[in-house]
Amino acid sequence: MFEYIIEDELETLKEMIKNNQLSNDKSNNFVVDYELEDELSHDTIWEIQCEFIEQAKEYLEENCPNKYVIYCDWCVHICSIDFAKERLKNTRYEIC
């Protein structure tokens, strides 16, 4: 239903990786809830975030294995593994 949001965010992620623009010193944020909440319900935003996570994780595992982690709260965060180990000790995340 809102595939265009996922496609746009995934394309942004791919471009950032291609151009070596993903930060290793902070979180890279995608599908930010407050940018969508005027148009969509929080349940719908959560569904979009979950679908983005699945697709982003698949892409990262295939193209950048064991370099990034992914987790979600108010947005989908993608971080380097080193950043996650240093700063996200009490956060549940998945290694891609």
PDB file of N, CA and C in Angstrom:
ATOM      1  N   MET A   1       0.816  -1.197   0.000  1.00  0.00           N
ATOM      2  CA  MET A   1       0.000   0.000   0.000  1.00  0.00           C
ATOM      3  C   MET A   1       0.866   1.270   0.000  1.00  0.00           C
ATOM      4  N   PHE A   2       1.894   1.272   0.809  1.00  0.00           N
ATOM      5  CA  PHE A   2       2.805   2.413   0.875  1.00  0.00           C
ATOM      6  C   PHE A   2       4.200   1.986   0.441  1.00  0.00           C
ATOM      7  N   GLU A   3       4.247   1.154  -0.582  1.00  0.00           N
ATOM      8  CA  GLU A   3       5.515   0.626  -1.074  1.00  0.00           C
ATOM      9  C   GLU A   3       6.451   1.723  -1.542  1.00  0.00           C
ATOM     10  N   TYR A   4       5.886   2.817  -2.032  1.00  0.00           N
ATOM     11  CA  TYR A   4       6.731   3.913  -2.536  1.00  0.00           C
ATOM     12  C   TYR A   4       7.625   4.481  -1.429  1.00  0.00           C
ATOM     13  N   ILE A   5       7.143   4.494  -0.195  1.00  0.00           N
ATOM     14  CA  ILE A   5       7.952   4.982   0.919  1.00  0.00           C
ATOM     15  C   ILE A   5       9.138   4.052   1.137  1.00  0.00           C
ATOM     16  N   ILE A   6       8.855   2.766   1.144  1.00  0.00           N
ATOM     17  CA  ILE A   6       9.907   1.765   1.348  1.00  0.00           C
ATOM     18  C   ILE A   6      10.909   1.826   0.196  1.00  0.00           C
ATOM     19  N   GLU A   7      10.407   1.898  -1.023  1.00  0.00           N
ATOM     20  CA  GLU A   7      11.286   1.961  -2.189  1.00  0.00           C
ATOM     21  C   GLU A   7      12.182   3.203  -2.153  1.00  0.00           C
ATOM     22  N   ASP A   8      11.612   4.344  -1.784  1.00  0.00           N
ATOM     23  CA  ASP A   8      12.403   5.584  -1.703  1.00  0.00           C
ATOM     24  C   ASP A   8      13.492   5.474  -0.641  1.00  0.00           C
ATOM     25  N   GLU A   9      13.134   4.964   0.524  1.00  0.00           N
ATOM     26  CA  GLU A   9      14.109   4.839   1.604  1.00  0.00           C
ATOM     27  C   GLU A   9      15.191   3.817   1.255  1.00  0.00           C
ATOM     28  N   LEU A  10      14.793   2.727   0.623  1.00  0.00           N
ATOM     29  CA  LEU A  10      15.763   1.707   0.229  1.00  0.00           C
ATOM     30  C   LEU A  10      16.710   2.250  -0.836  1.00  0.00           C
ATOM     31  N   GLU A  11      16.178   3.027  -1.748  1.00  0.00           N
ATOM     32  CA  GLU A  11      17.026   3.638  -2.776  1.00  0.00           C
ATOM     33  C   GLU A  11      18.013   4.621  -2.140  1.00  0.00           C
ATOM     34  N   THR A  12      17.559   5.367  -1.140  1.00  0.00           N
ATOM     35  CA  THR A  12      18.452   6.280  -0.413  1.00  0.00           C
ATOM     36  C   THR A  12      19.572   5.500   0.256  1.00  0.00           C
ATOM     37  N   LEU A  13      19.229   4.392   0.906  1.00  0.00           N
ATOM     38  CA  LEU A  13      20.235   3.541   1.550  1.00  0.00           C
ATOM     39  C   LEU A  13      21.248   3.034   0.524  1.00  0.00           C
ATOM     40  N   LYS A  14      20.771   2.543  -0.596  1.00  0.00           N
ATOM     41  CA  LYS A  14      21.660   2.014  -1.637  1.00  0.00           C
ATOM     42  C   LYS A  14      22.602   3.096  -2.162  1.00  0.00           C
ATOM     43  N   GLU A  15      22.078   4.280  -2.382  1.00  0.00           N
ATOM     44  CA  GLU A  15      22.903   5.393  -2.859  1.00  0.00           C
ATOM     45  C   GLU A  15      23.951   5.782  -1.821  1.00  0.00           C
ATOM     46  N   MET A  16      23.550   5.802  -0.562  1.00  0.00           N
ATOM     47  CA  MET A  16      24.499   6.149   0.497  1.00  0.00           C
ATOM     48  C   MET A  16      25.632   5.132   0.571  1.00  0.00           C
ATOM     49  N   ILE A  17      25.310   3.870   0.409  1.00  0.00           N
ATOM     50  CA  ILE A  17      26.343   2.829   0.427  1.00  0.00           C
ATOM     51  C   ILE A  17      27.226   2.951  -0.810  1.00  0.00           C
ATOM     52  N   LYS A  18      26.608   3.108  -1.948  1.00  0.00           N
ATOM     53  CA  LYS A  18      27.362   3.242  -3.201  1.00  0.00           C
ATOM     54  C   LYS A  18      28.342   4.412  -3.140  1.00  0.00           C
ATOM     55  N   ASN A  19      27.925   5.513  -2.532  1.00  0.00           N
ATOM     56  CA  ASN A  19      28.749   6.723  -2.461  1.00  0.00           C
ATOM     57  C   ASN A  19      29.530   6.838  -1.159  1.00  0.00           C
ATOM     58  N   ASN A  20      29.558   5.743  -0.401  1.00  0.00           N
ATOM     59  CA  ASN A  20      30.293   5.694   0.865  1.00  0.00           C
ATOM     60  C   ASN A  20      29.881   6.831   1.814  1.00  0.00           C
ATOM     61  N   GLN A  21      28.564   7.039   1.945  1.00  0.00           N
ATOM     62  CA  GLN A  21      28.048   8.135   2.758  1.00  0.00           C
ATOM     63  C   GLN A  21      27.404   7.683   4.069  1.00  0.00           C
ATOM     64  N   LEU A  22      27.335   6.399   4.317  1.00  0.00           N
ATOM     65  CA  LEU A  22      26.795   5.957   5.599  1.00  0.00           C
ATOM     66  C   LEU A  22      27.805   6.298   6.682  1.00  0.00           C
ATOM     67  N   SER A  23      27.346   6.970   7.703  1.00  0.00           N
ATOM     68  CA  SER A  23      28.231   7.367   8.787  1.00  0.00           C
ATOM     69  C   SER A  23      28.599   6.160   9.643  1.00  0.00           C
ATOM     70  N   ASN A  24      29.841   6.095  10.050  1.00  0.00           N
ATOM     71  CA  ASN A  24      30.291   5.058  10.981  1.00  0.00           C
ATOM     72  C   ASN A  24      30.330   5.571  12.414  1.00  0.00           C
ATOM     73  N   ASP A  25      30.102   6.878  12.595  1.00  0.00           N
ATOM     74  CA  ASP A  25      30.212   7.506  13.903  1.00  0.00           C
ATOM     75  C   ASP A  25      28.868   7.854  14.530  1.00  0.00           C
ATOM     76  N   LYS A  26      27.783   7.551  13.838  1.00  0.00           N
ATOM     77  CA  LYS A  26      26.452   7.825  14.370  1.00  0.00           C
ATOM     78  C   LYS A  26      25.439   6.942  13.647  1.00  0.00           C
ATOM     79  N   SER A  27      24.222   7.047  14.099  1.00  0.00           N
ATOM     80  CA  SER A  27      23.126   6.311  13.493  1.00  0.00           C
ATOM     81  C   SER A  27      22.716   6.959  12.176  1.00  0.00           C
ATOM     82  N   ASN A  28      22.428   6.145  11.199  1.00  0.00           N
ATOM     83  CA  ASN A  28      21.860   6.609   9.942  1.00  0.00           C
ATOM     84  C   ASN A  28      20.374   6.279  10.016  1.00  0.00           C
ATOM     85  N   ASN A  29      19.513   7.279   9.890  1.00  0.00           N
ATOM     86  CA  ASN A  29      18.087   7.110  10.185  1.00  0.00           C
ATOM     87  C   ASN A  29      17.242   7.063   8.929  1.00  0.00           C
ATOM     88  N   PHE A  30      16.286   6.123   8.931  1.00  0.00           N
ATOM     89  CA  PHE A  30      15.386   5.919   7.807  1.00  0.00           C
ATOM     90  C   PHE A  30      13.964   5.723   8.341  1.00  0.00           C
ATOM     91  N   VAL A  31      12.975   6.008   7.513  1.00  0.00           N
ATOM     92  CA  VAL A  31      11.551   5.870   7.843  1.00  0.00           C
ATOM     93  C   VAL A  31      11.265   6.494   9.216  1.00  0.00           C
ATOM     94  N   VAL A  32      11.461   7.775   9.293  1.00  0.00           N
ATOM     95  CA  VAL A  32      11.306   8.539  10.533  1.00  0.00           C
ATOM     96  C   VAL A  32       9.813   8.755  10.806  1.00  0.00           C
ATOM     97  N   ASP A  33       9.355   8.331  11.985  1.00  0.00           N
ATOM     98  CA  ASP A  33       7.913   8.364  12.259  1.00  0.00           C
ATOM     99  C   ASP A  33       7.314   9.766  12.224  1.00  0.00           C
ATOM    100  N   TYR A  34       7.976  10.761  12.794  1.00  0.00           N
ATOM    101  CA  TYR A  34       7.375  12.095  12.839  1.00  0.00           C
ATOM    102  C   TYR A  34       7.264  12.745  11.456  1.00  0.00           C
ATOM    103  N   GLU A  35       7.998  12.229  10.478  1.00  0.00           N
ATOM    104  CA  GLU A  35       7.875  12.738   9.112  1.00  0.00           C
ATOM    105  C   GLU A  35       6.635  12.174   8.417  1.00  0.00           C
ATOM    106  N   LEU A  36       6.078  11.101   8.967  1.00  0.00           N
ATOM    107  CA  LEU A  36       4.940  10.426   8.344  1.00  0.00           C
ATOM    108  C   LEU A  36       3.653  10.519   9.151  1.00  0.00           C
ATOM    109  N   GLU A  37       3.728  10.914  10.413  1.00  0.00           N
ATOM    110  CA  GLU A  37       2.564  10.798  11.287  1.00  0.00           C
ATOM    111  C   GLU A  37       1.422  11.765  10.961  1.00  0.00           C
ATOM    112  N   ASP A  38       1.652  12.790  10.178  1.00  0.00           N
ATOM    113  CA  ASP A  38       0.536  13.655   9.759  1.00  0.00           C
ATOM    114  C   ASP A  38      -0.356  12.949   8.736  1.00  0.00           C
ATOM    115  N   GLU A  39       0.223  12.028   7.980  1.00  0.00           N
ATOM    116  CA  GLU A  39      -0.501  11.331   6.920  1.00  0.00           C
ATOM    117  C   GLU A  39      -0.951   9.928   7.310  1.00  0.00           C
ATOM    118  N   LEU A  40      -0.185   9.275   8.196  1.00  0.00           N
ATOM    119  CA  LEU A  40      -0.392   7.852   8.454  1.00  0.00           C
ATOM    120  C   LEU A  40      -0.547   7.562   9.938  1.00  0.00           C
ATOM    121  N   SER A  41      -1.222   6.472  10.234  1.00  0.00           N
ATOM    122  CA  SER A  41      -1.349   6.040  11.629  1.00  0.00           C
ATOM    123  C   SER A  41      -0.027   5.448  12.103  1.00  0.00           C
ATOM    124  N   HIS A  42       0.137   5.389  13.409  1.00  0.00           N
ATOM    125  CA  HIS A  42       1.362   4.805  13.953  1.00  0.00           C
ATOM    126  C   HIS A  42       1.454   3.314  13.628  1.00  0.00           C
ATOM    127  N   ASP A  43       0.324   2.637  13.556  1.00  0.00           N
ATOM    128  CA  ASP A  43       0.341   1.222  13.162  1.00  0.00           C
ATOM    129  C   ASP A  43       0.853   1.059  11.732  1.00  0.00           C
ATOM    130  N   THR A  44       0.408   1.926  10.850  1.00  0.00           N
ATOM    131  CA  THR A  44       0.858   1.863   9.450  1.00  0.00           C
ATOM    132  C   THR A  44       2.344   2.196   9.353  1.00  0.00           C
ATOM    133  N   ILE A  45       2.768   3.204  10.084  1.00  0.00           N
ATOM    134  CA  ILE A  45       4.197   3.557  10.087  1.00  0.00           C
ATOM    135  C   ILE A  45       5.021   2.382  10.580  1.00  0.00           C
ATOM    136  N   TRP A  46       4.565   1.717  11.637  1.00  0.00           N
ATOM    137  CA  TRP A  46       5.275   0.547  12.168  1.00  0.00           C
ATOM    138  C   TRP A  46       5.374  -0.550  11.107  1.00  0.00           C
ATOM    139  N   GLU A  47       4.297  -0.794  10.372  1.00  0.00           N
ATOM    140  CA  GLU A  47       4.316  -1.802   9.302  1.00  0.00           C
ATOM    141  C   GLU A  47       5.334  -1.426   8.221  1.00  0.00           C
ATOM    142  N   ILE A  48       5.369  -0.159   7.860  1.00  0.00           N
ATOM    143  CA  ILE A  48       6.327   0.314   6.858  1.00  0.00           C
ATOM    144  C   ILE A  48       7.753   0.135   7.375  1.00  0.00           C
ATOM    145  N   GLN A  49       7.989   0.482   8.633  1.00  0.00           N
ATOM    146  CA  GLN A  49       9.321   0.318   9.218  1.00  0.00           C
ATOM    147  C   GLN A  49       9.733  -1.152   9.225  1.00  0.00           C
ATOM    148  N   CYS A  50       8.826  -2.031   9.592  1.00  0.00           N
ATOM    149  CA  CYS A  50       9.139  -3.468   9.624  1.00  0.00           C
ATOM    150  C   CYS A  50       9.477  -3.998   8.238  1.00  0.00           C
ATOM    151  N   GLU A  51       8.720  -3.588   7.240  1.00  0.00           N
ATOM    152  CA  GLU A  51       9.007  -4.023   5.875  1.00  0.00           C
ATOM    153  C   GLU A  51      10.332  -3.452   5.387  1.00  0.00           C
ATOM    154  N   PHE A  52      10.607  -2.198   5.704  1.00  0.00           N
ATOM    155  CA  PHE A  52      11.891  -1.605   5.333  1.00  0.00           C
ATOM    156  C   PHE A  52      13.034  -2.370   5.990  1.00  0.00           C
ATOM    157  N   ILE A  53      12.883  -2.717   7.256  1.00  0.00           N
ATOM    158  CA  ILE A  53      13.920  -3.476   7.957  1.00  0.00           C
ATOM    159  C   ILE A  53      14.207  -4.787   7.229  1.00  0.00           C
ATOM    160  N   GLU A  54      13.174  -5.497   6.856  1.00  0.00           N
ATOM    161  CA  GLU A  54      13.375  -6.770   6.144  1.00  0.00           C
ATOM    162  C   GLU A  54      14.164  -6.564   4.860  1.00  0.00           C
ATOM    163  N   GLN A  55      13.752  -5.582   4.065  1.00  0.00           N
ATOM    164  CA  GLN A  55      14.417  -5.354   2.778  1.00  0.00           C
ATOM    165  C   GLN A  55      15.830  -4.794   2.953  1.00  0.00           C
ATOM    166  N   ALA A  56      15.994  -3.880   3.890  1.00  0.00           N
ATOM    167  CA  ALA A  56      17.322  -3.301   4.128  1.00  0.00           C
ATOM    168  C   ALA A  56      18.274  -4.357   4.664  1.00  0.00           C
ATOM    169  N   LYS A  57      17.790  -5.177   5.578  1.00  0.00           N
ATOM    170  CA  LYS A  57      18.637  -6.228   6.141  1.00  0.00           C
ATOM    171  C   LYS A  57      19.086  -7.198   5.044  1.00  0.00           C
ATOM    172  N   GLU A  58      18.168  -7.580   4.187  1.00  0.00           N
ATOM    173  CA  GLU A  58      18.510  -8.462   3.069  1.00  0.00           C
ATOM    174  C   GLU A  58      19.563  -7.817   2.167  1.00  0.00           C
ATOM    175  N   TYR A  59      19.377  -6.544   1.848  1.00  0.00           N
ATOM    176  CA  TYR A  59      20.336  -5.836   0.997  1.00  0.00           C
ATOM    177  C   TYR A  59      21.702  -5.747   1.664  1.00  0.00           C
ATOM    178  N   LEU A  60      21.723  -5.380   2.936  1.00  0.00           N
ATOM    179  CA  LEU A  60      22.992  -5.237   3.650  1.00  0.00           C
ATOM    180  C   LEU A  60      23.713  -6.573   3.793  1.00  0.00           C
ATOM    181  N   GLU A  61      22.979  -7.621   4.106  1.00  0.00           N
ATOM    182  CA  GLU A  61      23.606  -8.943   4.242  1.00  0.00           C
ATOM    183  C   GLU A  61      24.235  -9.386   2.930  1.00  0.00           C
ATOM    184  N   GLU A  62      23.604  -9.025   1.829  1.00  0.00           N
ATOM    185  CA  GLU A  62      24.090  -9.422   0.518  1.00  0.00           C
ATOM    186  C   GLU A  62      25.266  -8.558   0.042  1.00  0.00           C
ATOM    187  N   ASN A  63      25.216  -7.258   0.341  1.00  0.00           N
ATOM    188  CA  ASN A  63      26.182  -6.321  -0.223  1.00  0.00           C
ATOM    189  C   ASN A  63      27.236  -5.797   0.752  1.00  0.00           C
ATOM    190  N   CYS A  64      26.962  -5.872   2.033  1.00  0.00           N
ATOM    191  CA  CYS A  64      27.899  -5.365   3.056  1.00  0.00           C
ATOM    192  C   CYS A  64      27.857  -6.301   4.267  1.00  0.00           C
ATOM    193  N   PRO A  65      28.141  -7.575   4.087  1.00  0.00           N
ATOM    194  CA  PRO A  65      27.957  -8.511   5.199  1.00  0.00           C
ATOM    195  C   PRO A  65      28.805  -8.163   6.420  1.00  0.00           C
ATOM    196  N   ASN A  66      28.163  -8.258   7.578  1.00  0.00           N
ATOM    197  CA  ASN A  66      28.816  -8.070   8.878  1.00  0.00           C
ATOM    198  C   ASN A  66      29.445  -6.698   9.072  1.00  0.00           C
ATOM    199  N   LYS A  67      28.897  -5.672   8.439  1.00  0.00           N
ATOM    200  CA  LYS A  67      29.405  -4.311   8.607  1.00  0.00           C
ATOM    201  C   LYS A  67      28.441  -3.421   9.387  1.00  0.00           C
ATOM    202  N   TYR A  68      27.149  -3.752   9.359  1.00  0.00           N
ATOM    203  CA  TYR A  68      26.146  -2.875   9.942  1.00  0.00           C
ATOM    204  C   TYR A  68      25.181  -3.633  10.833  1.00  0.00           C
ATOM    205  N   VAL A  69      24.529  -2.880  11.719  1.00  0.00           N
ATOM    206  CA  VAL A  69      23.429  -3.399  12.528  1.00  0.00           C
ATOM    207  C   VAL A  69      22.204  -2.548  12.214  1.00  0.00           C
ATOM    208  N   ILE A  70      21.051  -3.109  12.519  1.00  0.00           N
ATOM    209  CA  ILE A  70      19.802  -2.411  12.263  1.00  0.00           C
ATOM    210  C   ILE A  70      18.893  -2.581  13.472  1.00  0.00           C
ATOM    211  N   TYR A  71      18.227  -1.508  13.866  1.00  0.00           N
ATOM    212  CA  TYR A  71      17.252  -1.569  14.947  1.00  0.00           C
ATOM    213  C   TYR A  71      16.231  -0.455  14.752  1.00  0.00           C
ATOM    214  N   CYS A  72      15.139  -0.508  15.509  1.00  0.00           N
ATOM    215  CA  CYS A  72      14.056   0.435  15.293  1.00  0.00           C
ATOM    216  C   CYS A  72      13.486   0.924  16.620  1.00  0.00           C
ATOM    217  N   ASP A  73      13.213   2.215  16.678  1.00  0.00           N
ATOM    218  CA  ASP A  73      12.407   2.817  17.732  1.00  0.00           C
ATOM    219  C   ASP A  73      11.549   3.885  17.052  1.00  0.00           C
ATOM    220  N   TRP A  74      11.913   5.142  17.092  1.00  0.00           N
ATOM    221  CA  TRP A  74      11.143   6.185  16.403  1.00  0.00           C
ATOM    222  C   TRP A  74      11.453   6.241  14.903  1.00  0.00           C
ATOM    223  N   CYS A  75      12.483   5.508  14.503  1.00  0.00           N
ATOM    224  CA  CYS A  75      12.830   5.351  13.097  1.00  0.00           C
ATOM    225  C   CYS A  75      13.635   4.062  12.971  1.00  0.00           C
ATOM    226  N   VAL A  76      14.024   3.731  11.769  1.00  0.00           N
ATOM    227  CA  VAL A  76      14.907   2.592  11.552  1.00  0.00           C
ATOM    228  C   VAL A  76      16.328   3.132  11.544  1.00  0.00           C
ATOM    229  N   HIS A  77      17.160   2.590  12.433  1.00  0.00           N
ATOM    230  CA  HIS A  77      18.552   3.019  12.541  1.00  0.00           C
ATOM    231  C   HIS A  77      19.453   1.962  11.904  1.00  0.00           C
ATOM    232  N   ILE A  78      20.418   2.414  11.141  1.00  0.00           N
ATOM    233  CA  ILE A  78      21.450   1.540  10.602  1.00  0.00           C
ATOM    234  C   ILE A  78      22.781   2.128  11.040  1.00  0.00           C
ATOM    235  N   CYS A  79      23.582   1.327  11.741  1.00  0.00           N
ATOM    236  CA  CYS A  79      24.846   1.786  12.323  1.00  0.00           C
ATOM    237  C   CYS A  79      25.945   0.780  12.013  1.00  0.00           C
ATOM    238  N   SER A  80      27.174   1.262  12.088  1.00  0.00           N
ATOM    239  CA  SER A  80      28.300   0.337  11.953  1.00  0.00           C
ATOM    240  C   SER A  80      28.336  -0.574  13.184  1.00  0.00           C
ATOM    241  N   ILE A  81      28.904  -1.730  13.029  1.00  0.00           N
ATOM    242  CA  ILE A  81      29.015  -2.665  14.150  1.00  0.00           C
ATOM    243  C   ILE A  81      29.859  -2.059  15.266  1.00  0.00           C
ATOM    244  N   ASP A  82      30.933  -1.378  14.931  1.00  0.00           N
ATOM    245  CA  ASP A  82      31.775  -0.760  15.961  1.00  0.00           C
ATOM    246  C   ASP A  82      30.999   0.281  16.766  1.00  0.00           C
ATOM    247  N   PHE A  83      30.217   1.107  16.101  1.00  0.00           N
ATOM    248  CA  PHE A  83      29.396   2.092  16.794  1.00  0.00           C
ATOM    249  C   PHE A  83      28.413   1.383  17.722  1.00  0.00           C
ATOM    250  N   ALA A  84      27.784   0.338  17.232  1.00  0.00           N
ATOM    251  CA  ALA A  84      26.809  -0.397  18.038  1.00  0.00           C
ATOM    252  C   ALA A  84      27.455  -1.010  19.276  1.00  0.00           C
ATOM    253  N   LYS A  85      28.618  -1.617  19.113  1.00  0.00           N
ATOM    254  CA  LYS A  85      29.295  -2.235  20.252  1.00  0.00           C
ATOM    255  C   LYS A  85      29.678  -1.200  21.299  1.00  0.00           C
ATOM    256  N   GLU A  86      30.043  -0.009  20.849  1.00  0.00           N
ATOM    257  CA  GLU A  86      30.487   1.045  21.762  1.00  0.00           C
ATOM    258  C   GLU A  86      29.310   1.779  22.407  1.00  0.00           C
ATOM    259  N   ARG A  87      28.287   2.091  21.635  1.00  0.00           N
ATOM    260  CA  ARG A  87      27.236   2.986  22.112  1.00  0.00           C
ATOM    261  C   ARG A  87      25.887   2.334  22.396  1.00  0.00           C
ATOM    262  N   LEU A  88      25.664   1.151  21.898  1.00  0.00           N
ATOM    263  CA  LEU A  88      24.333   0.547  21.999  1.00  0.00           C
ATOM    264  C   LEU A  88      24.337  -0.720  22.844  1.00  0.00           C
ATOM    265  N   LYS A  89      25.037  -0.696  23.932  1.00  0.00           N
ATOM    266  CA  LYS A  89      25.214  -1.892  24.753  1.00  0.00           C
ATOM    267  C   LYS A  89      23.904  -2.445  25.289  1.00  0.00           C
ATOM    268  N   ASN A  90      22.917  -1.593  25.546  1.00  0.00           N
ATOM    269  CA  ASN A  90      21.644  -2.047  26.103  1.00  0.00           C
ATOM    270  C   ASN A  90      20.508  -2.012  25.086  1.00  0.00           C
ATOM    271  N   THR A  91      20.854  -1.986  23.823  1.00  0.00           N
ATOM    272  CA  THR A  91      19.859  -1.932  22.756  1.00  0.00           C
ATOM    273  C   THR A  91      19.857  -3.248  22.002  1.00  0.00           C
ATOM    274  N   ARG A  92      18.668  -3.715  21.701  1.00  0.00           N
ATOM    275  CA  ARG A  92      18.541  -4.945  20.907  1.00  0.00           C
ATOM    276  C   ARG A  92      18.638  -4.580  19.427  1.00  0.00           C
ATOM    277  N   TYR A  93      19.597  -5.173  18.748  1.00  0.00           N
ATOM    278  CA  TYR A  93      19.774  -4.910  17.331  1.00  0.00           C
ATOM    279  C   TYR A  93      20.138  -6.197  16.623  1.00  0.00           C
ATOM    280  N   GLU A  94      20.038  -6.175  15.300  1.00  0.00           N
ATOM    281  CA  GLU A  94      20.387  -7.326  14.471  1.00  0.00           C
ATOM    282  C   GLU A  94      21.575  -6.978  13.611  1.00  0.00           C
ATOM    283  N   ILE A  95      22.527  -7.880  13.550  1.00  0.00           N
ATOM    284  CA  ILE A  95      23.692  -7.687  12.675  1.00  0.00           C
ATOM    285  C   ILE A  95      23.300  -8.084  11.262  1.00  0.00           C
ATOM    286  N   CYS A  96      23.663  -7.246  10.307  1.00  0.00           N
ATOM    287  CA  CYS A  96      23.351  -7.517   8.909  1.00  0.00           C
ATOM    288  C   CYS A  96      24.587  -8.004   8.172  1.00  0.00           C
TER     289      CYS A  96
END
